[in-house]
Amino acid sequence: MKGGIQFDFLVDKVNSTLTIKREFAANRQLVWDCYTKSELLDQWFAPKPLTTKTRVMDFSEGGHWHYAMVEPNGQEYWGRMDYQTIQPIANYTALDGFCDGTGTLNPELPRSKWNVSFADVATHTLVETVVSYASPDALQQVINMGLREGLTSTLERLDELLLILN
C-alpha cells in the first residue's frame, strides 16, 4: 500500500458493524468499475494467494454476484452478494453471505448488509464500506475467521490492479 493512503478498519460491537474506509489512487469511475464488473472483480476480490472466479454476475437492483474464492490447490469458498440499491458511481447496498456452488446460502455462517459509498478525494477515490451484522456474535465470528487480514490483502490487490489499469 502506498504511503499516505487512508485505510481505516473500525469495529463497533455495540452496533454490530464494521466500517472500512479505503482510499485508492484512481478516479471514481475506475474504482466503481472494479467493484461492479465481474471481469475486474475476478482480478482482485480475494486475499493472496487465492483467486476469484465468477459463476453469475448481474449488477442490477435485485440481481446478484455468485463467486468463489479459490485456493491454489483448487479448494473453493463460495459467496453470494445480492444487490438491493444502486446509485451509479456513488453507492450500492447489498446482502453478502457464504453459500455453496449452487448459490444456496449457508445458515451456519453470518450474512451481512453492505453499504458501499464512493467519493472523490482530490485525485483519489475514497470507498467507505459499512458492513452490518445481525449480532455482536456474528461480527466476532467473521473477525475470528480473519476478515481484517483477508480484507487488507484483498484491497492491496486492488491497488496493484489499479496501477495496471490507470
N, C-alpha and C. Protein backbone atom coordinates (compact mmCIF):
# COMPACT_ATOMS: atom_id res chain seq x y z
N MET A 1 0.85 -1.18 0.00
CA MET A 1 0.00 0.00 0.00
C MET A 1 0.89 1.23 0.00
N LYS A 2 0.52 2.23 -0.76
CA LYS A 2 1.30 3.46 -0.85
C LYS A 2 1.17 4.26 0.43
N GLY A 3 2.25 4.95 0.81
CA GLY A 3 2.21 5.80 1.99
C GLY A 3 1.20 6.91 1.80
N GLY A 4 0.52 7.29 2.86
CA GLY A 4 -0.44 8.37 2.80
C GLY A 4 -1.82 7.97 2.33
N ILE A 5 -2.01 6.72 1.93
CA ILE A 5 -3.33 6.25 1.50
C ILE A 5 -4.12 5.85 2.74
N GLN A 6 -5.32 6.38 2.85
CA GLN A 6 -6.14 6.10 4.04
C GLN A 6 -6.65 4.67 4.06
N PHE A 7 -6.54 4.04 5.23
CA PHE A 7 -7.16 2.73 5.46
C PHE A 7 -7.58 2.66 6.92
N ASP A 8 -8.88 2.67 7.15
CA ASP A 8 -9.44 2.55 8.50
C ASP A 8 -10.28 1.30 8.55
N PHE A 9 -10.15 0.56 9.63
CA PHE A 9 -10.94 -0.66 9.87
C PHE A 9 -11.50 -0.51 11.28
N LEU A 10 -12.74 -0.05 11.38
CA LEU A 10 -13.34 0.30 12.66
C LEU A 10 -14.40 -0.73 13.06
N VAL A 11 -14.24 -1.32 14.23
CA VAL A 11 -15.17 -2.32 14.74
C VAL A 11 -16.07 -1.66 15.78
N ASP A 12 -17.37 -1.78 15.60
CA ASP A 12 -18.36 -1.25 16.55
C ASP A 12 -19.20 -2.43 17.02
N LYS A 13 -18.80 -3.02 18.14
CA LYS A 13 -19.51 -4.20 18.65
C LYS A 13 -20.89 -3.85 19.19
N VAL A 14 -21.08 -2.63 19.65
CA VAL A 14 -22.39 -2.22 20.17
C VAL A 14 -23.44 -2.27 19.06
N ASN A 15 -23.07 -1.77 17.87
CA ASN A 15 -24.00 -1.73 16.74
C ASN A 15 -23.78 -2.87 15.74
N SER A 16 -22.85 -3.79 16.05
CA SER A 16 -22.57 -4.95 15.20
C SER A 16 -22.19 -4.54 13.78
N THR A 17 -21.30 -3.53 13.68
CA THR A 17 -20.90 -3.06 12.36
C THR A 17 -19.38 -2.96 12.24
N LEU A 18 -18.94 -3.04 11.01
CA LEU A 18 -17.57 -2.73 10.62
C LEU A 18 -17.66 -1.55 9.67
N THR A 19 -16.76 -0.60 9.82
CA THR A 19 -16.66 0.48 8.86
C THR A 19 -15.25 0.45 8.30
N ILE A 20 -15.16 0.24 7.00
CA ILE A 20 -13.88 0.18 6.32
C ILE A 20 -13.80 1.38 5.40
N LYS A 21 -12.80 2.23 5.61
CA LYS A 21 -12.57 3.38 4.74
C LYS A 21 -11.23 3.14 4.06
N ARG A 22 -11.24 3.20 2.73
CA ARG A 22 -10.01 2.89 1.99
C ARG A 22 -9.91 3.82 0.80
N GLU A 23 -8.77 4.48 0.70
CA GLU A 23 -8.51 5.41 -0.40
C GLU A 23 -7.72 4.69 -1.49
N PHE A 24 -8.07 4.99 -2.73
CA PHE A 24 -7.39 4.39 -3.89
C PHE A 24 -6.88 5.49 -4.82
N ALA A 25 -5.70 5.28 -5.37
CA ALA A 25 -5.07 6.25 -6.26
C ALA A 25 -5.58 6.06 -7.69
N ALA A 26 -6.87 6.36 -7.85
CA ALA A 26 -7.53 6.23 -9.17
C ALA A 26 -8.81 7.04 -9.14
N ASN A 27 -9.35 7.32 -10.33
CA ASN A 27 -10.59 8.09 -10.37
C ASN A 27 -11.78 7.21 -9.98
N ARG A 28 -12.85 7.87 -9.59
CA ARG A 28 -14.01 7.18 -9.04
C ARG A 28 -14.65 6.21 -10.04
N GLN A 29 -14.75 6.58 -11.31
CA GLN A 29 -15.36 5.67 -12.29
C GLN A 29 -14.58 4.36 -12.37
N LEU A 30 -13.26 4.43 -12.39
CA LEU A 30 -12.45 3.22 -12.49
C LEU A 30 -12.60 2.35 -11.24
N VAL A 31 -12.59 2.98 -10.07
CA VAL A 31 -12.75 2.21 -8.82
C VAL A 31 -14.14 1.57 -8.79
N TRP A 32 -15.16 2.33 -9.18
CA TRP A 32 -16.52 1.79 -9.25
C TRP A 32 -16.56 0.57 -10.16
N ASP A 33 -15.96 0.68 -11.33
CA ASP A 33 -15.94 -0.44 -12.27
C ASP A 33 -15.28 -1.67 -11.65
N CYS A 34 -14.20 -1.45 -10.89
CA CYS A 34 -13.50 -2.58 -10.26
C CYS A 34 -14.37 -3.28 -9.22
N TYR A 35 -15.30 -2.56 -8.62
CA TYR A 35 -16.21 -3.14 -7.63
C TYR A 35 -17.47 -3.75 -8.25
N THR A 36 -17.76 -3.42 -9.51
CA THR A 36 -19.07 -3.78 -10.06
C THR A 36 -19.05 -4.59 -11.35
N LYS A 37 -17.88 -4.88 -11.88
CA LYS A 37 -17.77 -5.66 -13.12
C LYS A 37 -17.01 -6.95 -12.83
N SER A 38 -17.60 -8.07 -13.17
CA SER A 38 -17.01 -9.37 -12.82
C SER A 38 -15.63 -9.57 -13.41
N GLU A 39 -15.40 -9.09 -14.63
CA GLU A 39 -14.09 -9.30 -15.24
C GLU A 39 -12.98 -8.58 -14.47
N LEU A 40 -13.34 -7.52 -13.74
CA LEU A 40 -12.37 -6.82 -12.89
C LEU A 40 -12.36 -7.41 -11.48
N LEU A 41 -13.53 -7.70 -10.92
CA LEU A 41 -13.59 -8.34 -9.59
C LEU A 41 -12.77 -9.63 -9.56
N ASP A 42 -12.85 -10.39 -10.64
CA ASP A 42 -12.11 -11.67 -10.71
C ASP A 42 -10.59 -11.47 -10.62
N GLN A 43 -10.12 -10.25 -10.84
CA GLN A 43 -8.68 -9.98 -10.80
C GLN A 43 -8.19 -9.53 -9.44
N TRP A 44 -9.13 -9.24 -8.47
CA TRP A 44 -8.64 -8.72 -7.20
C TRP A 44 -9.43 -9.16 -5.96
N PHE A 45 -10.64 -9.66 -6.08
CA PHE A 45 -11.50 -9.83 -4.92
C PHE A 45 -11.24 -11.14 -4.16
N ALA A 46 -10.01 -11.30 -3.68
CA ALA A 46 -9.65 -12.44 -2.82
C ALA A 46 -8.26 -12.15 -2.26
N PRO A 47 -8.01 -12.55 -1.02
CA PRO A 47 -6.67 -12.35 -0.47
C PRO A 47 -5.67 -13.30 -1.13
N LYS A 48 -4.42 -12.84 -1.26
CA LYS A 48 -3.38 -13.70 -1.82
C LYS A 48 -3.19 -14.90 -0.91
N PRO A 49 -2.99 -16.08 -1.43
CA PRO A 49 -2.74 -16.44 -2.82
C PRO A 49 -4.02 -16.91 -3.54
N LEU A 50 -5.20 -16.68 -2.97
CA LEU A 50 -6.44 -17.12 -3.60
C LEU A 50 -6.73 -16.32 -4.86
N THR A 51 -7.56 -16.88 -5.72
CA THR A 51 -8.05 -16.19 -6.90
C THR A 51 -9.58 -16.18 -6.82
N THR A 52 -10.20 -15.42 -7.69
CA THR A 52 -11.66 -15.31 -7.70
C THR A 52 -12.18 -15.75 -9.06
N LYS A 53 -13.31 -16.46 -9.04
CA LYS A 53 -13.99 -16.78 -10.29
C LYS A 53 -15.48 -16.51 -10.11
N THR A 54 -16.07 -15.92 -11.12
CA THR A 54 -17.49 -15.58 -11.10
C THR A 54 -18.28 -16.67 -11.80
N ARG A 55 -19.35 -17.11 -11.14
CA ARG A 55 -20.29 -18.03 -11.78
C ARG A 55 -21.41 -17.23 -12.44
N VAL A 56 -21.95 -16.23 -11.72
CA VAL A 56 -23.03 -15.38 -12.24
C VAL A 56 -22.80 -13.96 -11.75
N MET A 57 -22.99 -12.99 -12.65
CA MET A 57 -22.91 -11.59 -12.25
C MET A 57 -24.03 -10.83 -12.93
N ASP A 58 -24.91 -10.26 -12.10
CA ASP A 58 -25.98 -9.39 -12.58
C ASP A 58 -25.99 -8.18 -11.66
N PHE A 59 -25.18 -7.17 -12.01
CA PHE A 59 -25.11 -5.97 -11.18
C PHE A 59 -26.28 -5.06 -11.52
N SER A 60 -27.39 -5.36 -10.88
CA SER A 60 -28.60 -4.55 -11.01
C SER A 60 -29.38 -4.71 -9.72
N GLU A 61 -30.30 -3.78 -9.46
CA GLU A 61 -31.13 -3.92 -8.27
C GLU A 61 -31.93 -5.21 -8.39
N GLY A 62 -31.81 -6.06 -7.38
CA GLY A 62 -32.45 -7.37 -7.42
C GLY A 62 -31.57 -8.45 -8.02
N GLY A 63 -30.44 -8.07 -8.61
CA GLY A 63 -29.50 -9.03 -9.18
C GLY A 63 -28.52 -9.53 -8.13
N HIS A 64 -27.60 -10.38 -8.55
CA HIS A 64 -26.62 -10.90 -7.60
C HIS A 64 -25.31 -11.27 -8.29
N TRP A 65 -24.29 -11.43 -7.44
CA TRP A 65 -22.98 -11.91 -7.87
C TRP A 65 -22.72 -13.19 -7.10
N HIS A 66 -22.53 -14.29 -7.82
CA HIS A 66 -22.22 -15.60 -7.23
C HIS A 66 -20.79 -15.93 -7.66
N TYR A 67 -19.91 -16.06 -6.68
CA TYR A 67 -18.49 -16.19 -6.98
C TYR A 67 -17.83 -17.16 -6.01
N ALA A 68 -16.62 -17.56 -6.36
CA ALA A 68 -15.82 -18.41 -5.47
C ALA A 68 -14.44 -17.79 -5.31
N MET A 69 -13.92 -17.90 -4.10
CA MET A 69 -12.51 -17.64 -3.85
C MET A 69 -11.85 -19.01 -3.87
N VAL A 70 -10.78 -19.13 -4.66
CA VAL A 70 -10.19 -20.44 -4.94
C VAL A 70 -8.74 -20.48 -4.45
N GLU A 71 -8.45 -21.49 -3.63
CA GLU A 71 -7.08 -21.70 -3.17
C GLU A 71 -6.25 -22.29 -4.32
N PRO A 72 -4.91 -22.16 -4.25
CA PRO A 72 -4.06 -22.75 -5.30
C PRO A 72 -4.29 -24.26 -5.49
N ASN A 73 -4.71 -24.97 -4.42
CA ASN A 73 -4.96 -26.41 -4.52
C ASN A 73 -6.34 -26.73 -5.11
N GLY A 74 -7.12 -25.68 -5.44
CA GLY A 74 -8.44 -25.89 -6.05
C GLY A 74 -9.61 -25.81 -5.08
N GLN A 75 -9.37 -25.77 -3.77
CA GLN A 75 -10.46 -25.65 -2.78
C GLN A 75 -11.22 -24.34 -3.02
N GLU A 76 -12.56 -24.42 -3.08
CA GLU A 76 -13.39 -23.26 -3.37
C GLU A 76 -14.20 -22.84 -2.15
N TYR A 77 -14.30 -21.52 -1.96
CA TYR A 77 -15.13 -20.91 -0.91
C TYR A 77 -16.11 -19.99 -1.62
N TRP A 78 -17.39 -20.36 -1.62
CA TRP A 78 -18.40 -19.65 -2.39
C TRP A 78 -19.04 -18.53 -1.60
N GLY A 79 -19.38 -17.45 -2.32
CA GLY A 79 -20.08 -16.32 -1.74
C GLY A 79 -21.16 -15.82 -2.68
N ARG A 80 -22.09 -15.08 -2.10
CA ARG A 80 -23.19 -14.52 -2.88
C ARG A 80 -23.48 -13.12 -2.36
N MET A 81 -23.50 -12.17 -3.28
CA MET A 81 -23.81 -10.77 -2.99
C MET A 81 -25.10 -10.44 -3.71
N ASP A 82 -26.16 -10.15 -2.95
CA ASP A 82 -27.46 -9.79 -3.53
C ASP A 82 -27.62 -8.28 -3.50
N TYR A 83 -27.69 -7.66 -4.68
CA TYR A 83 -27.73 -6.20 -4.78
C TYR A 83 -29.14 -5.68 -4.50
N GLN A 84 -29.21 -4.68 -3.62
CA GLN A 84 -30.50 -4.10 -3.24
C GLN A 84 -30.74 -2.75 -3.91
N THR A 85 -29.81 -1.81 -3.70
CA THR A 85 -29.95 -0.48 -4.31
C THR A 85 -28.65 -0.12 -5.02
N ILE A 86 -28.77 0.64 -6.10
CA ILE A 86 -27.60 1.07 -6.86
C ILE A 86 -27.79 2.52 -7.30
N GLN A 87 -26.83 3.37 -6.94
CA GLN A 87 -26.75 4.74 -7.42
C GLN A 87 -25.40 4.84 -8.14
N PRO A 88 -25.40 4.74 -9.48
CA PRO A 88 -24.14 4.64 -10.23
C PRO A 88 -23.05 5.62 -9.80
N ILE A 89 -21.89 5.09 -9.70
CA ILE A 89 -20.61 5.63 -9.24
C ILE A 89 -20.68 6.38 -7.91
N ALA A 90 -21.75 6.17 -7.14
CA ALA A 90 -21.89 6.82 -5.84
C ALA A 90 -22.06 5.82 -4.70
N ASN A 91 -22.95 4.83 -4.87
CA ASN A 91 -23.29 3.96 -3.74
C ASN A 91 -24.03 2.72 -4.22
N TYR A 92 -23.84 1.63 -3.49
CA TYR A 92 -24.73 0.47 -3.63
C TYR A 92 -24.87 -0.19 -2.27
N THR A 93 -26.00 -0.88 -2.11
CA THR A 93 -26.21 -1.70 -0.92
C THR A 93 -26.48 -3.12 -1.38
N ALA A 94 -26.07 -4.06 -0.52
CA ALA A 94 -26.21 -5.47 -0.89
C ALA A 94 -26.19 -6.33 0.36
N LEU A 95 -26.73 -7.55 0.22
CA LEU A 95 -26.62 -8.56 1.25
C LEU A 95 -25.55 -9.54 0.82
N ASP A 96 -24.61 -9.82 1.72
CA ASP A 96 -23.49 -10.71 1.42
C ASP A 96 -23.58 -11.93 2.31
N GLY A 97 -23.31 -13.08 1.73
CA GLY A 97 -23.34 -14.30 2.53
C GLY A 97 -22.49 -15.40 1.94
N PHE A 98 -22.16 -16.36 2.78
CA PHE A 98 -21.45 -17.56 2.35
C PHE A 98 -22.48 -18.52 1.78
N CYS A 99 -22.09 -19.24 0.73
CA CYS A 99 -23.04 -20.15 0.09
C CYS A 99 -22.28 -21.34 -0.47
N ASP A 100 -23.01 -22.18 -1.21
CA ASP A 100 -22.35 -23.30 -1.89
C ASP A 100 -22.28 -22.99 -3.38
N GLY A 101 -21.81 -23.95 -4.15
CA GLY A 101 -21.64 -23.77 -5.58
C GLY A 101 -22.92 -23.52 -6.34
N THR A 102 -24.07 -23.84 -5.73
CA THR A 102 -25.36 -23.59 -6.38
C THR A 102 -25.94 -22.23 -6.01
N GLY A 103 -25.30 -21.54 -5.04
CA GLY A 103 -25.81 -20.25 -4.59
C GLY A 103 -26.69 -20.33 -3.36
N THR A 104 -26.89 -21.54 -2.82
CA THR A 104 -27.70 -21.70 -1.61
C THR A 104 -26.92 -21.19 -0.41
N LEU A 105 -27.50 -20.25 0.32
CA LEU A 105 -26.82 -19.65 1.47
C LEU A 105 -26.57 -20.68 2.57
N ASN A 106 -25.45 -20.51 3.27
CA ASN A 106 -25.09 -21.35 4.40
C ASN A 106 -25.62 -20.71 5.68
N PRO A 107 -26.64 -21.30 6.31
CA PRO A 107 -27.24 -20.70 7.51
C PRO A 107 -26.32 -20.75 8.73
N GLU A 108 -25.25 -21.53 8.67
CA GLU A 108 -24.30 -21.64 9.79
C GLU A 108 -23.36 -20.43 9.87
N LEU A 109 -23.25 -19.69 8.79
CA LEU A 109 -22.32 -18.56 8.75
C LEU A 109 -23.10 -17.24 8.62
N PRO A 110 -22.55 -16.16 9.19
CA PRO A 110 -23.28 -14.88 9.21
C PRO A 110 -23.48 -14.28 7.83
N ARG A 111 -24.63 -13.66 7.67
CA ARG A 111 -24.91 -12.85 6.48
C ARG A 111 -24.82 -11.39 6.92
N SER A 112 -24.40 -10.53 6.02
CA SER A 112 -24.22 -9.13 6.38
C SER A 112 -24.83 -8.23 5.31
N LYS A 113 -25.10 -6.99 5.73
CA LYS A 113 -25.57 -5.98 4.78
C LYS A 113 -24.41 -5.03 4.53
N TRP A 114 -24.12 -4.78 3.26
CA TRP A 114 -23.06 -3.86 2.87
C TRP A 114 -23.66 -2.58 2.33
N ASN A 115 -23.10 -1.46 2.77
CA ASN A 115 -23.44 -0.15 2.23
C ASN A 115 -22.12 0.46 1.77
N VAL A 116 -21.92 0.51 0.44
CA VAL A 116 -20.62 0.88 -0.13
C VAL A 116 -20.77 2.22 -0.85
N SER A 117 -19.98 3.22 -0.40
CA SER A 117 -20.05 4.56 -0.98
C SER A 117 -18.71 4.96 -1.57
N PHE A 118 -18.77 5.71 -2.67
CA PHE A 118 -17.59 6.13 -3.42
C PHE A 118 -17.58 7.66 -3.47
N ALA A 119 -16.44 8.28 -3.11
CA ALA A 119 -16.34 9.74 -3.11
C ALA A 119 -14.98 10.17 -3.64
N ASP A 120 -14.97 11.34 -4.28
CA ASP A 120 -13.73 11.92 -4.77
C ASP A 120 -12.99 12.58 -3.60
N VAL A 121 -11.68 12.33 -3.53
CA VAL A 121 -10.80 13.00 -2.57
C VAL A 121 -9.57 13.44 -3.37
N ALA A 122 -9.58 14.70 -3.79
CA ALA A 122 -8.53 15.23 -4.68
C ALA A 122 -8.47 14.34 -5.92
N THR A 123 -7.32 13.72 -6.19
CA THR A 123 -7.18 12.87 -7.38
C THR A 123 -7.43 11.40 -7.06
N HIS A 124 -7.84 11.11 -5.84
CA HIS A 124 -8.08 9.74 -5.40
C HIS A 124 -9.57 9.48 -5.22
N THR A 125 -9.88 8.25 -4.88
CA THR A 125 -11.26 7.86 -4.56
C THR A 125 -11.27 7.24 -3.18
N LEU A 126 -12.22 7.67 -2.36
CA LEU A 126 -12.41 7.08 -1.04
C LEU A 126 -13.62 6.16 -1.11
N VAL A 127 -13.42 4.90 -0.73
CA VAL A 127 -14.51 3.94 -0.65
C VAL A 127 -14.78 3.70 0.83
N GLU A 128 -16.02 3.94 1.24
CA GLU A 128 -16.42 3.66 2.62
C GLU A 128 -17.45 2.53 2.59
N THR A 129 -17.12 1.45 3.27
CA THR A 129 -17.99 0.29 3.33
C THR A 129 -18.43 0.08 4.77
N VAL A 130 -19.73 0.14 5.00
CA VAL A 130 -20.28 -0.15 6.32
C VAL A 130 -20.94 -1.52 6.22
N VAL A 131 -20.44 -2.45 7.02
CA VAL A 131 -20.93 -3.83 6.99
C VAL A 131 -21.66 -4.08 8.30
N SER A 132 -22.96 -4.41 8.20
CA SER A 132 -23.79 -4.62 9.39
C SER A 132 -24.11 -6.10 9.56
N TYR A 133 -23.99 -6.57 10.79
CA TYR A 133 -24.28 -7.97 11.14
C TYR A 133 -25.48 -8.02 12.08
N ALA A 134 -26.09 -9.20 12.17
CA ALA A 134 -27.30 -9.38 12.98
C ALA A 134 -27.01 -9.26 14.48
N SER A 135 -25.76 -9.52 14.88
CA SER A 135 -25.45 -9.53 16.31
C SER A 135 -23.95 -9.32 16.52
N PRO A 136 -23.55 -8.94 17.74
CA PRO A 136 -22.11 -8.85 18.04
C PRO A 136 -21.42 -10.20 17.85
N ASP A 137 -22.11 -11.30 18.14
CA ASP A 137 -21.50 -12.63 17.96
C ASP A 137 -21.21 -12.92 16.49
N ALA A 138 -22.12 -12.54 15.60
CA ALA A 138 -21.90 -12.75 14.17
C ALA A 138 -20.71 -11.91 13.70
N LEU A 139 -20.62 -10.68 14.17
CA LEU A 139 -19.48 -9.83 13.84
C LEU A 139 -18.18 -10.47 14.33
N GLN A 140 -18.17 -10.94 15.56
CA GLN A 140 -16.96 -11.55 16.12
C GLN A 140 -16.58 -12.82 15.35
N GLN A 141 -17.57 -13.56 14.88
CA GLN A 141 -17.29 -14.78 14.12
C GLN A 141 -16.48 -14.48 12.86
N VAL A 142 -16.85 -13.45 12.11
CA VAL A 142 -16.11 -13.14 10.89
C VAL A 142 -14.74 -12.53 11.20
N ILE A 143 -14.66 -11.79 12.29
CA ILE A 143 -13.34 -11.27 12.71
C ILE A 143 -12.42 -12.44 13.04
N ASN A 144 -12.96 -13.44 13.75
CA ASN A 144 -12.17 -14.63 14.10
C ASN A 144 -11.76 -15.43 12.87
N MET A 145 -12.54 -15.33 11.80
CA MET A 145 -12.23 -16.04 10.55
C MET A 145 -11.11 -15.34 9.76
N GLY A 146 -10.64 -14.19 10.26
CA GLY A 146 -9.53 -13.50 9.60
C GLY A 146 -9.96 -12.39 8.65
N LEU A 147 -11.13 -11.81 8.89
CA LEU A 147 -11.66 -10.79 7.98
C LEU A 147 -10.69 -9.62 7.78
N ARG A 148 -10.13 -9.09 8.86
CA ARG A 148 -9.25 -7.92 8.72
C ARG A 148 -8.04 -8.24 7.85
N GLU A 149 -7.37 -9.34 8.13
CA GLU A 149 -6.18 -9.71 7.37
C GLU A 149 -6.52 -10.00 5.91
N GLY A 150 -7.61 -10.73 5.70
CA GLY A 150 -8.03 -11.05 4.34
C GLY A 150 -8.41 -9.81 3.55
N LEU A 151 -9.13 -8.91 4.20
CA LEU A 151 -9.55 -7.68 3.53
C LEU A 151 -8.35 -6.79 3.21
N THR A 152 -7.40 -6.72 4.12
CA THR A 152 -6.19 -5.92 3.87
C THR A 152 -5.47 -6.43 2.63
N SER A 153 -5.28 -7.74 2.52
CA SER A 153 -4.62 -8.33 1.37
C SER A 153 -5.43 -8.11 0.09
N THR A 154 -6.74 -8.25 0.19
CA THR A 154 -7.62 -8.08 -0.97
C THR A 154 -7.54 -6.65 -1.51
N LEU A 155 -7.60 -5.66 -0.62
CA LEU A 155 -7.56 -4.27 -1.06
C LEU A 155 -6.18 -3.89 -1.62
N GLU A 156 -5.13 -4.52 -1.13
CA GLU A 156 -3.81 -4.31 -1.71
C GLU A 156 -3.76 -4.84 -3.15
N ARG A 157 -4.49 -5.93 -3.40
CA ARG A 157 -4.57 -6.45 -4.78
C ARG A 157 -5.28 -5.45 -5.69
N LEU A 158 -6.29 -4.77 -5.15
CA LEU A 158 -6.97 -3.75 -5.96
C LEU A 158 -6.00 -2.62 -6.27
N ASP A 159 -5.18 -2.21 -5.30
CA ASP A 159 -4.14 -1.20 -5.58
C ASP A 159 -3.28 -1.64 -6.76
N GLU A 160 -2.84 -2.89 -6.75
CA GLU A 160 -1.98 -3.41 -7.82
C GLU A 160 -2.69 -3.38 -9.16
N LEU A 161 -3.97 -3.78 -9.18
CA LEU A 161 -4.74 -3.76 -10.44
C LEU A 161 -4.91 -2.33 -10.95
N LEU A 162 -5.20 -1.39 -10.04
CA LEU A 162 -5.40 -0.01 -10.46
C LEU A 162 -4.12 0.58 -11.07
N LEU A 163 -2.97 0.18 -10.59
CA LEU A 163 -1.71 0.63 -11.19
C LEU A 163 -1.61 0.19 -12.65
N ILE A 164 -2.09 -0.99 -12.95
CA ILE A 164 -2.06 -1.51 -14.31
C ILE A 164 -3.11 -0.80 -15.19
N LEU A 165 -4.29 -0.58 -14.62
CA LEU A 165 -5.40 -0.02 -15.40
C LEU A 165 -5.32 1.49 -15.59
N ASN A 166 -4.66 2.17 -14.67
CA ASN A 166 -4.60 3.64 -14.68
C ASN A 166 -3.75 4.17 -15.80
